[in-house]
N, C-alpha and C. Protein backbone atom coordinates (compact mmCIF):
# COMPACT_ATOMS: atom_id res chain seq x y z
N MET A 1 34.92 54.07 -112.74
CA MET A 1 34.41 52.74 -112.47
C MET A 1 33.86 52.72 -111.07
N SER A 2 32.87 51.99 -111.06
CA SER A 2 32.32 51.88 -109.70
C SER A 2 32.87 50.63 -109.06
N ARG A 3 33.07 50.72 -107.77
CA ARG A 3 33.58 49.53 -107.08
C ARG A 3 32.55 49.00 -106.11
N VAL A 4 32.61 47.74 -106.01
CA VAL A 4 31.62 47.08 -105.13
C VAL A 4 32.13 47.13 -103.69
N ASP A 5 31.32 47.68 -102.88
CA ASP A 5 31.70 47.76 -101.45
C ASP A 5 31.44 46.37 -100.85
N GLY A 6 32.45 45.77 -100.40
CA GLY A 6 32.32 44.37 -99.90
C GLY A 6 31.87 44.25 -98.48
N GLY A 7 31.15 45.12 -97.95
CA GLY A 7 30.63 44.89 -96.59
C GLY A 7 30.85 46.02 -95.66
N ASN A 8 31.21 47.24 -96.22
CA ASN A 8 31.37 48.34 -95.29
C ASN A 8 30.04 48.85 -94.82
N ARG A 9 29.03 48.66 -95.63
CA ARG A 9 27.72 49.15 -95.21
C ARG A 9 26.95 48.05 -94.46
N PRO A 10 26.24 48.41 -93.45
CA PRO A 10 25.46 47.38 -92.73
C PRO A 10 24.32 46.89 -93.59
N SER A 11 24.12 45.58 -93.53
CA SER A 11 23.03 45.04 -94.33
C SER A 11 21.71 45.37 -93.66
N PRO A 12 20.69 45.61 -94.45
CA PRO A 12 19.40 45.97 -93.84
C PRO A 12 18.83 44.79 -93.08
N PRO A 13 18.19 45.06 -92.02
CA PRO A 13 17.62 43.95 -91.22
C PRO A 13 16.58 43.21 -92.04
N THR A 14 16.67 41.88 -91.92
CA THR A 14 15.70 41.06 -92.66
C THR A 14 14.40 41.02 -91.89
N LYS A 15 13.34 41.02 -92.61
CA LYS A 15 12.02 40.97 -91.99
C LYS A 15 11.67 39.52 -91.68
N ARG A 16 11.13 39.29 -90.50
CA ARG A 16 10.72 37.93 -90.10
C ARG A 16 9.24 37.76 -90.41
N SER A 17 8.94 36.58 -90.85
CA SER A 17 7.55 36.32 -91.18
C SER A 17 6.72 36.25 -89.90
N GLU A 18 5.39 36.32 -90.12
CA GLU A 18 4.48 36.25 -88.97
C GLU A 18 4.63 34.92 -88.24
N PHE A 19 4.89 33.85 -89.01
CA PHE A 19 5.02 32.52 -88.43
C PHE A 19 6.22 32.44 -87.50
N GLU A 20 7.35 33.06 -88.00
CA GLU A 20 8.55 33.05 -87.17
C GLU A 20 8.37 33.88 -85.92
N ARG A 21 7.67 35.04 -86.05
CA ARG A 21 7.47 35.87 -84.87
C ARG A 21 6.58 35.18 -83.85
N GLY A 22 5.59 34.40 -84.33
CA GLY A 22 4.71 33.68 -83.38
C GLY A 22 5.48 32.64 -82.60
N ASP A 23 6.40 31.95 -83.30
CA ASP A 23 7.20 30.96 -82.59
C ASP A 23 8.09 31.59 -81.56
N ALA A 24 8.59 32.76 -81.91
CA ALA A 24 9.49 33.43 -80.98
C ALA A 24 8.76 33.83 -79.73
N THR A 25 7.55 34.31 -79.88
CA THR A 25 6.80 34.72 -78.68
C THR A 25 6.40 33.52 -77.85
N ARG A 26 6.22 32.37 -78.52
CA ARG A 26 5.86 31.17 -77.74
C ARG A 26 7.04 30.67 -76.94
N ASP A 27 8.25 30.84 -77.49
CA ASP A 27 9.43 30.32 -76.81
C ASP A 27 9.81 31.14 -75.61
N THR A 28 9.45 32.39 -75.62
CA THR A 28 9.84 33.23 -74.48
C THR A 28 8.98 32.89 -73.28
N LYS A 29 9.62 32.70 -72.11
CA LYS A 29 8.90 32.33 -70.89
C LYS A 29 8.58 33.58 -70.10
N PRO A 30 7.41 33.58 -69.42
CA PRO A 30 7.08 34.76 -68.60
C PRO A 30 8.05 34.87 -67.43
N ALA A 31 8.27 36.05 -67.01
CA ALA A 31 9.20 36.28 -65.89
C ALA A 31 8.61 35.70 -64.61
N ALA A 32 9.47 35.06 -63.81
CA ALA A 32 9.02 34.44 -62.55
C ALA A 32 8.58 35.51 -61.57
N ALA A 33 7.55 35.16 -60.77
CA ALA A 33 7.08 36.11 -59.77
C ALA A 33 8.14 36.27 -58.69
N PRO A 34 8.30 37.45 -58.19
CA PRO A 34 9.31 37.65 -57.16
C PRO A 34 8.99 36.83 -55.92
N ALA A 35 10.04 36.24 -55.31
CA ALA A 35 9.85 35.40 -54.09
C ALA A 35 9.39 36.27 -52.94
N ALA A 36 8.56 35.62 -52.06
CA ALA A 36 8.08 36.36 -50.90
C ALA A 36 9.24 36.70 -49.99
N ARG A 37 9.23 37.89 -49.50
CA ARG A 37 10.34 38.34 -48.65
C ARG A 37 10.08 37.93 -47.21
N PRO A 38 11.09 37.39 -46.55
CA PRO A 38 10.89 37.04 -45.13
C PRO A 38 10.73 38.31 -44.31
N PRO A 39 10.03 38.19 -43.18
CA PRO A 39 9.86 39.39 -42.35
C PRO A 39 11.22 39.89 -41.86
N ALA A 40 11.27 41.18 -41.70
CA ALA A 40 12.53 41.80 -41.27
C ALA A 40 12.91 41.33 -39.88
N ASN A 41 11.92 41.12 -39.01
CA ASN A 41 12.19 40.71 -37.63
C ASN A 41 11.89 39.21 -37.51
N ALA A 42 12.86 38.41 -37.07
CA ALA A 42 12.68 36.95 -37.01
C ALA A 42 11.66 36.53 -35.96
N THR A 43 11.37 37.39 -34.98
CA THR A 43 10.44 37.02 -33.92
C THR A 43 9.00 37.29 -34.30
N VAL A 44 8.76 37.87 -35.44
CA VAL A 44 7.39 38.15 -35.86
C VAL A 44 6.75 36.83 -36.27
N ARG A 45 5.59 36.51 -35.69
CA ARG A 45 4.88 35.28 -36.01
C ARG A 45 3.49 35.61 -36.49
N SER A 46 2.91 34.67 -37.22
CA SER A 46 1.55 34.89 -37.67
C SER A 46 0.60 34.75 -36.48
N PHE A 47 -0.57 35.31 -36.57
CA PHE A 47 -1.53 35.32 -35.47
C PHE A 47 -2.05 33.90 -35.22
N GLN A 48 -2.00 33.44 -33.98
CA GLN A 48 -2.35 32.06 -33.63
C GLN A 48 -3.80 31.91 -33.17
N GLY A 49 -4.56 32.94 -33.20
CA GLY A 49 -5.97 32.83 -32.83
C GLY A 49 -6.26 33.20 -31.40
N ARG A 50 -5.28 33.56 -30.62
CA ARG A 50 -5.52 34.00 -29.25
C ARG A 50 -4.44 34.97 -28.84
N SER A 51 -4.78 35.78 -27.88
CA SER A 51 -3.84 36.77 -27.38
C SER A 51 -2.86 36.11 -26.41
N ASP A 52 -1.69 36.70 -26.29
CA ASP A 52 -0.72 36.18 -25.32
C ASP A 52 -1.21 36.32 -23.89
N PHE A 53 -2.24 37.14 -23.69
CA PHE A 53 -2.75 37.35 -22.33
C PHE A 53 -3.86 36.36 -21.98
N GLU A 54 -4.33 35.59 -22.97
CA GLU A 54 -5.35 34.60 -22.69
C GLU A 54 -4.71 33.32 -22.17
N PRO A 55 -5.42 32.55 -21.33
CA PRO A 55 -4.87 31.24 -20.93
C PRO A 55 -4.89 30.28 -22.11
N ALA A 56 -3.99 29.33 -22.09
CA ALA A 56 -3.88 28.37 -23.18
C ALA A 56 -5.13 27.50 -23.23
N ARG A 57 -5.64 27.28 -24.43
CA ARG A 57 -6.81 26.44 -24.61
C ARG A 57 -6.37 25.05 -25.03
N PRO A 58 -7.09 24.00 -24.58
CA PRO A 58 -6.68 22.65 -24.97
C PRO A 58 -6.85 22.46 -26.47
N SER A 59 -5.93 21.73 -27.05
CA SER A 59 -5.98 21.47 -28.49
C SER A 59 -7.09 20.47 -28.77
N PRO A 60 -7.89 20.66 -29.83
CA PRO A 60 -8.97 19.72 -30.10
C PRO A 60 -8.47 18.33 -30.46
N SER A 61 -7.24 18.25 -31.00
CA SER A 61 -6.72 16.94 -31.38
C SER A 61 -6.24 16.13 -30.18
N ARG A 62 -5.99 16.78 -29.04
CA ARG A 62 -5.52 16.08 -27.84
C ARG A 62 -6.43 16.44 -26.68
N PRO A 63 -7.55 15.72 -26.51
CA PRO A 63 -8.48 16.08 -25.43
C PRO A 63 -7.85 15.91 -24.07
N THR A 64 -8.31 16.71 -23.14
CA THR A 64 -7.80 16.64 -21.77
C THR A 64 -8.25 15.34 -21.14
N PRO A 65 -7.33 14.52 -20.61
CA PRO A 65 -7.73 13.23 -20.03
C PRO A 65 -8.57 13.42 -18.78
N THR A 66 -9.53 12.53 -18.63
CA THR A 66 -10.38 12.58 -17.44
C THR A 66 -9.62 12.00 -16.26
N PRO A 67 -9.56 12.70 -15.13
CA PRO A 67 -8.81 12.17 -13.99
C PRO A 67 -9.44 10.88 -13.48
N VAL A 68 -8.59 9.91 -13.15
CA VAL A 68 -9.06 8.63 -12.64
C VAL A 68 -9.43 8.78 -11.17
N GLN A 69 -10.62 8.30 -10.85
CA GLN A 69 -11.05 8.41 -9.47
C GLN A 69 -10.39 7.30 -8.66
N THR A 70 -9.76 7.67 -7.60
CA THR A 70 -9.09 6.71 -6.73
C THR A 70 -9.85 6.58 -5.42
N GLN A 71 -9.67 5.42 -4.81
CA GLN A 71 -10.31 5.22 -3.53
C GLN A 71 -9.67 6.10 -2.48
N ALA A 72 -10.48 6.47 -1.53
CA ALA A 72 -9.96 7.32 -0.46
C ALA A 72 -8.88 6.57 0.31
N ALA A 73 -7.79 7.25 0.55
CA ALA A 73 -6.68 6.62 1.26
C ALA A 73 -7.07 6.38 2.72
N ARG A 74 -6.62 5.23 3.23
CA ARG A 74 -6.92 4.94 4.63
C ARG A 74 -6.07 5.84 5.53
N PRO A 75 -6.65 6.26 6.62
CA PRO A 75 -5.84 7.07 7.54
C PRO A 75 -4.73 6.22 8.13
N PRO A 76 -3.58 6.80 8.40
CA PRO A 76 -2.48 6.02 8.96
C PRO A 76 -2.85 5.49 10.35
N PRO A 77 -2.36 4.29 10.69
CA PRO A 77 -2.70 3.74 12.00
C PRO A 77 -2.06 4.55 13.13
N SER A 78 -2.67 4.44 14.28
CA SER A 78 -2.13 5.12 15.46
C SER A 78 -0.78 4.48 15.82
N PRO A 79 0.04 5.15 16.62
CA PRO A 79 1.33 4.56 17.01
C PRO A 79 1.18 3.19 17.66
N ALA A 80 0.14 3.03 18.49
CA ALA A 80 -0.06 1.73 19.15
C ALA A 80 -0.42 0.66 18.13
N ASP A 81 -1.32 1.01 17.17
CA ASP A 81 -1.70 0.05 16.14
C ASP A 81 -0.52 -0.28 15.23
N ALA A 82 0.29 0.73 14.90
CA ALA A 82 1.46 0.49 14.04
C ALA A 82 2.44 -0.47 14.71
N GLU A 83 2.62 -0.30 16.02
CA GLU A 83 3.51 -1.21 16.76
C GLU A 83 2.95 -2.62 16.79
N SER A 84 1.62 -2.73 16.95
CA SER A 84 0.98 -4.04 16.98
C SER A 84 1.09 -4.73 15.62
N ILE A 85 0.92 -3.96 14.52
CA ILE A 85 1.05 -4.53 13.18
C ILE A 85 2.48 -5.00 12.92
N ALA A 86 3.45 -4.21 13.35
CA ALA A 86 4.85 -4.60 13.17
C ALA A 86 5.15 -5.89 13.94
N GLN A 87 4.59 -6.02 15.14
CA GLN A 87 4.78 -7.24 15.93
C GLN A 87 4.17 -8.45 15.22
N ALA A 88 2.98 -8.25 14.63
CA ALA A 88 2.33 -9.35 13.91
C ALA A 88 3.15 -9.76 12.69
N ASP A 89 3.69 -8.78 11.97
CA ASP A 89 4.51 -9.11 10.80
C ASP A 89 5.75 -9.91 11.20
N MET A 90 6.34 -9.52 12.33
CA MET A 90 7.53 -10.23 12.80
C MET A 90 7.18 -11.67 13.19
N GLU A 91 6.05 -11.85 13.84
CA GLU A 91 5.64 -13.19 14.25
C GLU A 91 5.29 -14.06 13.05
N LEU A 92 4.73 -13.45 12.01
CA LEU A 92 4.40 -14.22 10.81
C LEU A 92 5.64 -14.82 10.16
N GLY A 93 6.78 -14.16 10.36
CA GLY A 93 8.03 -14.71 9.82
C GLY A 93 8.41 -16.04 10.46
N LEU A 94 7.88 -16.32 11.65
CA LEU A 94 8.19 -17.60 12.31
C LEU A 94 7.59 -18.79 11.57
N LEU A 95 6.52 -18.55 10.82
CA LEU A 95 5.87 -19.66 10.13
C LEU A 95 6.81 -20.34 9.13
N GLU A 96 7.74 -19.55 8.58
CA GLU A 96 8.65 -20.12 7.58
C GLU A 96 9.61 -21.14 8.19
N GLU A 97 9.79 -21.08 9.51
CA GLU A 97 10.72 -22.00 10.15
C GLU A 97 10.11 -23.36 10.43
N PHE A 98 8.79 -23.48 10.18
CA PHE A 98 8.10 -24.75 10.45
C PHE A 98 7.41 -25.21 9.17
N PRO A 99 8.02 -26.16 8.45
CA PRO A 99 7.41 -26.60 7.18
C PRO A 99 6.16 -27.44 7.37
N ASP A 100 5.96 -27.99 8.56
CA ASP A 100 4.80 -28.85 8.80
C ASP A 100 3.53 -28.01 8.91
N ALA A 101 2.48 -28.40 8.19
CA ALA A 101 1.22 -27.63 8.18
C ALA A 101 0.56 -27.64 9.56
N ASP A 102 0.67 -28.78 10.28
CA ASP A 102 0.07 -28.84 11.62
C ASP A 102 0.71 -27.81 12.54
N ALA A 103 2.03 -27.75 12.49
CA ALA A 103 2.74 -26.80 13.35
C ALA A 103 2.42 -25.36 12.94
N GLN A 104 2.38 -25.08 11.65
CA GLN A 104 2.07 -23.72 11.19
C GLN A 104 0.67 -23.30 11.63
N SER A 105 -0.27 -24.21 11.54
CA SER A 105 -1.64 -23.86 11.94
C SER A 105 -1.71 -23.58 13.44
N GLY A 106 -0.97 -24.38 14.22
CA GLY A 106 -0.96 -24.13 15.66
C GLY A 106 -0.34 -22.79 16.00
N ILE A 107 0.75 -22.43 15.29
CA ILE A 107 1.40 -21.13 15.54
C ILE A 107 0.50 -19.98 15.12
N ALA A 108 -0.14 -20.11 13.95
CA ALA A 108 -1.01 -19.04 13.47
C ALA A 108 -2.18 -18.81 14.43
N SER A 109 -2.78 -19.89 14.89
CA SER A 109 -3.91 -19.74 15.81
C SER A 109 -3.45 -19.20 17.17
N ALA A 110 -2.24 -19.60 17.59
CA ALA A 110 -1.70 -19.07 18.84
C ALA A 110 -1.40 -17.58 18.71
N MET A 111 -0.94 -17.16 17.55
CA MET A 111 -0.69 -15.73 17.33
C MET A 111 -2.00 -14.94 17.41
N LEU A 112 -3.05 -15.47 16.78
CA LEU A 112 -4.35 -14.78 16.84
C LEU A 112 -4.86 -14.71 18.27
N HIS A 113 -4.62 -15.78 19.02
CA HIS A 113 -5.04 -15.76 20.42
C HIS A 113 -4.23 -14.73 21.22
N ALA A 114 -2.92 -14.63 20.92
CA ALA A 114 -2.08 -13.65 21.63
C ALA A 114 -2.50 -12.22 21.30
N HIS A 115 -3.07 -12.00 20.12
CA HIS A 115 -3.50 -10.66 19.71
C HIS A 115 -5.02 -10.48 19.87
N SER A 116 -5.61 -11.24 20.77
CA SER A 116 -7.07 -11.18 20.91
C SER A 116 -7.57 -9.81 21.31
N ASP A 117 -6.74 -9.02 22.00
CA ASP A 117 -7.15 -7.67 22.41
C ASP A 117 -6.73 -6.61 21.39
N ALA A 118 -6.19 -7.04 20.26
CA ALA A 118 -5.73 -6.08 19.24
C ALA A 118 -6.33 -6.47 17.89
N PRO A 119 -7.57 -6.02 17.59
CA PRO A 119 -8.21 -6.41 16.33
C PRO A 119 -7.43 -5.97 15.09
N VAL A 120 -6.68 -4.87 15.20
CA VAL A 120 -5.91 -4.39 14.04
C VAL A 120 -4.84 -5.39 13.65
N SER A 121 -4.09 -5.87 14.63
CA SER A 121 -3.03 -6.84 14.32
C SER A 121 -3.62 -8.20 13.96
N GLN A 122 -4.76 -8.58 14.57
CA GLN A 122 -5.42 -9.81 14.17
C GLN A 122 -5.81 -9.75 12.70
N ASN A 123 -6.37 -8.61 12.29
CA ASN A 123 -6.76 -8.44 10.89
C ASN A 123 -5.54 -8.49 9.98
N ARG A 124 -4.42 -7.95 10.47
CA ARG A 124 -3.18 -7.98 9.69
C ARG A 124 -2.73 -9.42 9.45
N ILE A 125 -2.82 -10.25 10.46
CA ILE A 125 -2.43 -11.65 10.32
C ILE A 125 -3.31 -12.35 9.29
N VAL A 126 -4.62 -12.14 9.38
CA VAL A 126 -5.54 -12.75 8.43
C VAL A 126 -5.25 -12.24 7.01
N GLU A 127 -5.00 -10.94 6.91
CA GLU A 127 -4.71 -10.34 5.60
C GLU A 127 -3.46 -10.95 4.96
N ARG A 128 -2.40 -11.08 5.74
CA ARG A 128 -1.15 -11.64 5.21
C ARG A 128 -1.31 -13.11 4.84
N LEU A 129 -2.03 -13.88 5.64
CA LEU A 129 -2.24 -15.29 5.33
C LEU A 129 -3.07 -15.44 4.06
N LYS A 130 -4.02 -14.54 3.86
CA LYS A 130 -4.82 -14.60 2.63
C LYS A 130 -3.96 -14.25 1.43
N GLN A 131 -3.10 -13.23 1.55
CA GLN A 131 -2.22 -12.85 0.45
C GLN A 131 -1.27 -13.99 0.09
N ASP A 132 -0.80 -14.71 1.09
CA ASP A 132 0.14 -15.82 0.86
C ASP A 132 -0.56 -17.08 0.36
N GLY A 133 -1.90 -17.09 0.37
CA GLY A 133 -2.64 -18.27 -0.07
C GLY A 133 -2.69 -19.37 0.97
N ARG A 134 -2.42 -19.05 2.25
CA ARG A 134 -2.38 -20.08 3.28
C ARG A 134 -3.55 -20.00 4.24
N LEU A 135 -4.44 -19.04 4.03
CA LEU A 135 -5.53 -18.85 4.98
C LEU A 135 -6.45 -20.08 5.03
N GLU A 136 -6.82 -20.57 3.86
CA GLU A 136 -7.75 -21.71 3.81
C GLU A 136 -7.16 -22.95 4.49
N SER A 137 -5.90 -23.25 4.16
CA SER A 137 -5.31 -24.49 4.69
C SER A 137 -4.98 -24.38 6.18
N LEU A 138 -4.41 -23.25 6.61
CA LEU A 138 -4.01 -23.15 8.02
C LEU A 138 -5.22 -23.12 8.95
N PHE A 139 -6.24 -22.35 8.59
CA PHE A 139 -7.42 -22.30 9.46
C PHE A 139 -8.20 -23.61 9.37
N GLY A 140 -8.14 -24.27 8.21
CA GLY A 140 -8.76 -25.59 8.11
C GLY A 140 -8.05 -26.59 9.00
N GLU A 141 -6.73 -26.50 9.05
CA GLU A 141 -5.96 -27.40 9.92
C GLU A 141 -6.28 -27.18 11.39
N VAL A 142 -6.54 -25.92 11.76
CA VAL A 142 -6.87 -25.64 13.16
C VAL A 142 -8.14 -26.38 13.57
N PHE A 143 -9.12 -26.45 12.65
CA PHE A 143 -10.39 -27.10 12.97
C PHE A 143 -10.40 -28.58 12.60
N ARG A 144 -9.27 -29.10 12.13
CA ARG A 144 -9.21 -30.53 11.82
C ARG A 144 -9.23 -31.33 13.13
N GLU A 145 -9.93 -32.41 13.11
CA GLU A 145 -10.03 -33.23 14.32
C GLU A 145 -8.66 -33.82 14.67
N ASP A 146 -8.41 -33.90 15.95
CA ASP A 146 -7.19 -34.53 16.48
C ASP A 146 -5.91 -33.80 16.08
N ASN A 147 -6.00 -32.50 15.89
CA ASN A 147 -4.77 -31.73 15.64
C ASN A 147 -4.12 -31.48 17.00
N PRO A 148 -2.91 -32.03 17.23
CA PRO A 148 -2.31 -31.95 18.57
C PRO A 148 -1.79 -30.56 18.92
N PHE A 149 -1.68 -29.64 17.92
CA PHE A 149 -1.11 -28.32 18.19
C PHE A 149 -2.16 -27.26 18.52
N VAL A 150 -3.42 -27.64 18.54
CA VAL A 150 -4.50 -26.64 18.65
C VAL A 150 -5.29 -26.87 19.93
N GLU A 151 -5.59 -25.77 20.60
CA GLU A 151 -6.44 -25.80 21.78
C GLU A 151 -7.72 -25.03 21.48
N GLN A 152 -8.72 -25.22 22.29
CA GLN A 152 -10.01 -24.57 22.05
C GLN A 152 -9.91 -23.04 22.02
N PRO A 153 -9.11 -22.41 22.90
CA PRO A 153 -9.01 -20.94 22.80
C PRO A 153 -8.47 -20.48 21.44
N HIS A 154 -7.64 -21.33 20.81
CA HIS A 154 -7.12 -20.95 19.49
C HIS A 154 -8.23 -20.95 18.44
N LYS A 155 -9.15 -21.90 18.54
CA LYS A 155 -10.29 -21.92 17.61
C LYS A 155 -11.16 -20.68 17.80
N ALA A 156 -11.37 -20.32 19.05
CA ALA A 156 -12.17 -19.12 19.32
C ALA A 156 -11.47 -17.88 18.78
N ALA A 157 -10.14 -17.86 18.86
CA ALA A 157 -9.39 -16.70 18.34
C ALA A 157 -9.53 -16.59 16.82
N ILE A 158 -9.57 -17.72 16.13
CA ILE A 158 -9.74 -17.70 14.67
C ILE A 158 -11.12 -17.18 14.30
N VAL A 159 -12.14 -17.63 15.01
CA VAL A 159 -13.49 -17.16 14.72
C VAL A 159 -13.58 -15.66 14.96
N ARG A 160 -12.99 -15.19 16.06
CA ARG A 160 -13.02 -13.75 16.36
C ARG A 160 -12.25 -12.95 15.30
N ALA A 161 -11.10 -13.48 14.87
CA ALA A 161 -10.31 -12.78 13.86
C ALA A 161 -11.04 -12.74 12.51
N LEU A 162 -11.71 -13.82 12.16
CA LEU A 162 -12.47 -13.82 10.91
C LEU A 162 -13.65 -12.86 10.98
N ASP A 163 -14.25 -12.74 12.14
CA ASP A 163 -15.34 -11.79 12.30
C ASP A 163 -14.85 -10.36 12.05
N THR A 164 -13.66 -10.03 12.61
CA THR A 164 -13.07 -8.70 12.37
C THR A 164 -12.71 -8.53 10.90
N ALA A 165 -12.16 -9.57 10.28
CA ALA A 165 -11.77 -9.49 8.87
C ALA A 165 -12.98 -9.30 7.96
N LEU A 166 -14.09 -9.94 8.29
CA LEU A 166 -15.31 -9.74 7.51
C LEU A 166 -15.82 -8.31 7.64
N THR A 167 -15.75 -7.78 8.85
CA THR A 167 -16.20 -6.40 9.06
C THR A 167 -15.34 -5.41 8.30
N ARG A 168 -14.04 -5.67 8.22
CA ARG A 168 -13.11 -4.76 7.53
C ARG A 168 -13.00 -5.04 6.04
N GLY A 169 -13.59 -6.12 5.57
CA GLY A 169 -13.54 -6.44 4.15
C GLY A 169 -12.31 -7.20 3.71
N THR A 170 -11.47 -7.62 4.67
CA THR A 170 -10.29 -8.40 4.32
C THR A 170 -10.69 -9.76 3.77
N VAL A 171 -11.69 -10.37 4.39
CA VAL A 171 -12.27 -11.63 3.93
C VAL A 171 -13.73 -11.35 3.60
N THR A 172 -14.20 -11.94 2.50
CA THR A 172 -15.59 -11.72 2.09
C THR A 172 -16.39 -13.00 2.28
N SER A 173 -17.71 -12.86 2.22
CA SER A 173 -18.57 -14.04 2.32
C SER A 173 -18.35 -14.97 1.13
N ASP A 174 -17.95 -14.41 -0.01
CA ASP A 174 -17.63 -15.26 -1.17
C ASP A 174 -16.41 -16.13 -0.87
N ASP A 175 -15.42 -15.57 -0.17
CA ASP A 175 -14.25 -16.35 0.23
C ASP A 175 -14.68 -17.53 1.12
N LEU A 176 -15.54 -17.24 2.08
CA LEU A 176 -15.97 -18.29 3.00
C LEU A 176 -16.73 -19.39 2.26
N ARG A 177 -17.58 -18.99 1.30
CA ARG A 177 -18.31 -20.01 0.54
C ARG A 177 -17.36 -20.86 -0.29
N ALA A 178 -16.35 -20.21 -0.89
CA ALA A 178 -15.37 -20.97 -1.68
C ALA A 178 -14.58 -21.93 -0.80
N PHE A 179 -14.19 -21.46 0.40
CA PHE A 179 -13.44 -22.33 1.31
C PHE A 179 -14.28 -23.52 1.76
N SER A 180 -15.57 -23.30 1.94
CA SER A 180 -16.44 -24.39 2.43
C SER A 180 -16.69 -25.44 1.35
N ARG A 181 -16.25 -25.17 0.11
CA ARG A 181 -16.36 -26.16 -0.96
C ARG A 181 -14.98 -26.69 -1.37
N GLY A 182 -13.92 -26.26 -0.69
CA GLY A 182 -12.57 -26.63 -1.06
C GLY A 182 -12.06 -27.89 -0.37
N THR A 183 -10.73 -27.96 -0.23
CA THR A 183 -10.09 -29.14 0.35
C THR A 183 -10.51 -29.35 1.80
N TYR A 184 -10.67 -28.24 2.53
CA TYR A 184 -11.06 -28.32 3.95
C TYR A 184 -12.53 -27.94 4.09
N ALA A 185 -13.37 -28.54 3.24
CA ALA A 185 -14.79 -28.17 3.22
C ALA A 185 -15.45 -28.41 4.58
N GLN A 186 -15.20 -29.58 5.17
CA GLN A 186 -15.85 -29.91 6.44
C GLN A 186 -15.42 -28.95 7.54
N GLU A 187 -14.12 -28.65 7.58
CA GLU A 187 -13.61 -27.75 8.63
C GLU A 187 -14.16 -26.33 8.46
N TRP A 188 -14.22 -25.85 7.21
CA TRP A 188 -14.73 -24.49 6.99
C TRP A 188 -16.23 -24.39 7.22
N GLN A 189 -16.92 -25.49 7.06
CA GLN A 189 -18.35 -25.47 7.42
C GLN A 189 -18.50 -25.32 8.93
N GLN A 190 -17.61 -25.97 9.69
CA GLN A 190 -17.62 -25.78 11.14
C GLN A 190 -17.29 -24.32 11.49
N ILE A 191 -16.30 -23.77 10.78
CA ILE A 191 -15.93 -22.36 11.03
C ILE A 191 -17.12 -21.46 10.72
N GLY A 192 -17.82 -21.76 9.62
CA GLY A 192 -18.97 -20.93 9.26
C GLY A 192 -20.06 -20.97 10.31
N VAL A 193 -20.28 -22.16 10.86
CA VAL A 193 -21.30 -22.28 11.91
C VAL A 193 -20.87 -21.49 13.15
N ALA A 194 -19.61 -21.65 13.55
CA ALA A 194 -19.10 -20.93 14.73
C ALA A 194 -19.12 -19.42 14.49
N LEU A 195 -18.81 -19.02 13.27
CA LEU A 195 -18.81 -17.59 12.94
C LEU A 195 -20.22 -17.02 12.96
N GLY A 196 -21.19 -17.83 12.46
CA GLY A 196 -22.59 -17.39 12.51
C GLY A 196 -23.07 -17.25 13.94
N ASP A 197 -22.67 -18.18 14.80
CA ASP A 197 -23.06 -18.10 16.22
C ASP A 197 -22.42 -16.87 16.87
N ALA A 198 -21.17 -16.57 16.51
CA ALA A 198 -20.49 -15.43 17.13
C ALA A 198 -21.09 -14.10 16.67
N ARG A 199 -21.70 -14.08 15.51
CA ARG A 199 -22.26 -12.84 14.98
C ARG A 199 -23.68 -12.58 15.41
N LYS A 200 -24.29 -13.56 16.10
CA LYS A 200 -25.68 -13.38 16.56
C LYS A 200 -25.73 -12.38 17.71
């Protein structure tokens, strides 16, 4: 009798249809490309377009700023002028002790008269009064009629100081025109006439 072998022999491989084989090839994914290897030396860099021996070139995205032209610095004053300017600054502090405009104008004109031989300190006084906004009113008060604190030499000192200030650019002709149309228009017109006579 023959006996049926229940599975000792390997079964023959089944053949796959063309359709099944096509699906199988579609399902298989191509192998990924190998990743780029980093350089062995960490200090190796890609070429930047210039040699290390060349000077650095400005980046086109950040243009080199154009240097701002500044005015030429004034030379420092001489020791005598510096002392005279310091004296004028100290005297200007006295104006704060006199709230009355008549008294302040008399003191300012007296200071200019005291510095009549020092045009640098006279110009400093005019400069500070202009910065403080008191130049128009104080000099107008000096030329106001019947001001008991002012003498004629003080008026002459103001005209001389304004002449120096105009020469140095501390006061401009535009300033004088504006003052002659302001609160002390009549007084500044007198100053303008006296200043014109002094400049002849």
